[in-house]
C-alpha atoms as a PDB file:
ATOM      1  CA  MET A   1       0.000   0.000   0.000  1.00  0.00           C
ATOM      2  CA  VAL A   2       1.135   3.531  -0.691  1.00  0.00           C
ATOM      3  CA  ASP A   3       0.260   6.593   1.401  1.00  0.00           C
ATOM      4  CA  ALA A   4      -1.611   9.632   0.012  1.00  0.00           C
ATOM      5  CA  THR A   5       1.601  11.307  -1.166  1.00  0.00           C
ATOM      6  CA  GLY A   6       2.680   8.181  -3.022  1.00  0.00           C
ATOM      7  CA  SER A   7       6.111   8.235  -1.428  1.00  0.00           C
ATOM      8  CA  ILE A   8       5.848   5.737   1.442  1.00  0.00           C
ATOM      9  CA  ILE A   9       5.188   2.052   0.887  1.00  0.00           C
ATOM     10  CA  ARG A  10       3.407   0.180   3.670  1.00  0.00           C
ATOM     11  CA  ILE A  11       3.185  -3.580   3.942  1.00  0.00           C
ATOM     12  CA  SER A  12      -0.128  -5.037   5.085  1.00  0.00           C
ATOM     13  CA  ASP A  13      -1.248  -8.544   5.947  1.00  0.00           C
ATOM     14  CA  PHE A  14      -4.953  -9.098   5.394  1.00  0.00           C
ATOM     15  CA  GLY A  15      -4.754 -12.769   6.389  1.00  0.00           C
ATOM     16  CA  ALA A  16      -6.211 -11.924   9.797  1.00  0.00           C
ATOM     17  CA  SER A  17      -9.217 -10.030   8.476  1.00  0.00           C
ATOM     18  CA  ALA A  18     -12.629 -11.238   9.604  1.00  0.00           C
ATOM     19  CA  ARG A  19     -16.235 -10.452   8.783  1.00  0.00           C
ATOM     20  CA  LEU A  20     -17.929  -8.027  11.181  1.00  0.00           C
ATOM     21  CA  GLU A  21     -21.426  -8.624  12.459  1.00  0.00           C
ATOM     22  CA  SER A  22     -23.989  -5.831  12.042  1.00  0.00           C
ATOM     23  CA  GLN A  23     -23.215  -4.557  15.573  1.00  0.00           C
ATOM     24  CA  GLY A  24     -19.517  -4.158  14.686  1.00  0.00           C
ATOM     25  CA  SER A  25     -18.217  -7.188  16.573  1.00  0.00           C
ATOM     26  CA  VAL A  26     -16.131  -9.932  15.009  1.00  0.00           C
ATOM     27  CA  SER A  27     -18.056 -12.982  13.878  1.00  0.00           C
ATOM     28  CA  GLY A  28     -17.786 -16.038  16.142  1.00  0.00           C
ATOM     29  CA  GLN A  29     -16.722 -18.097  13.139  1.00  0.00           C
ATOM     30  CA  PHE A  30     -13.028 -18.047  14.132  1.00  0.00           C
ATOM     31  CA  GLN A  31     -13.272 -18.303  17.917  1.00  0.00           C
ATOM     32  CA  GLY A  32     -10.515 -20.502  19.303  1.00  0.00           C
ATOM     33  CA  GLN A  33      -8.691 -20.719  15.969  1.00  0.00           C
ATOM     34  CA  VAL A  34      -5.381 -19.192  14.968  1.00  0.00           C
ATOM     35  CA  ILE A  35      -5.953 -17.012  11.910  1.00  0.00           C
ATOM     36  CA  GLY A  36      -3.509 -15.014   9.835  1.00  0.00           C
ATOM     37  CA  THR A  37      -0.747 -15.505   7.334  1.00  0.00           C
ATOM     38  CA  PHE A  38       1.764 -17.911   8.864  1.00  0.00           C
ATOM     39  CA  ALA A  39       4.832 -16.250   7.329  1.00  0.00           C
ATOM     40  CA  PHE A  40       3.946 -12.908   8.936  1.00  0.00           C
ATOM     41  CA  MET A  41       2.971 -14.151  12.417  1.00  0.00           C
ATOM     42  CA  ALA A  42       5.029 -13.651  15.546  1.00  0.00           C
ATOM     43  CA  PRO A  43       6.769 -16.934  16.478  1.00  0.00           C
ATOM     44  CA  GLU A  44       4.531 -17.484  19.521  1.00  0.00           C
ATOM     45  CA  ARG A  45       1.281 -17.022  17.551  1.00  0.00           C
ATOM     46  CA  PRO A  46       1.147 -20.374  15.679  1.00  0.00           C
ATOM     47  CA  GLU A  47       1.956 -22.125  18.949  1.00  0.00           C
ATOM     48  CA  SER A  48      -1.098 -20.480  20.606  1.00  0.00           C
ATOM     49  CA  GLU A  49       0.992 -18.916  23.379  1.00  0.00           C
ATOM     50  CA  VAL A  50      -0.810 -15.565  23.084  1.00  0.00           C
END
């Protein structure tokens, strides 16, 4: 992603995105599951230490 000036590049990981319910809370679909892009996770995340 690039900022409004077009001069700064930002890296984003949308692997952890989730659908919001109408009230603005995260859907219960992923409760208790590790979600995200494995290559971009902190080392403790895939091991469920968080």
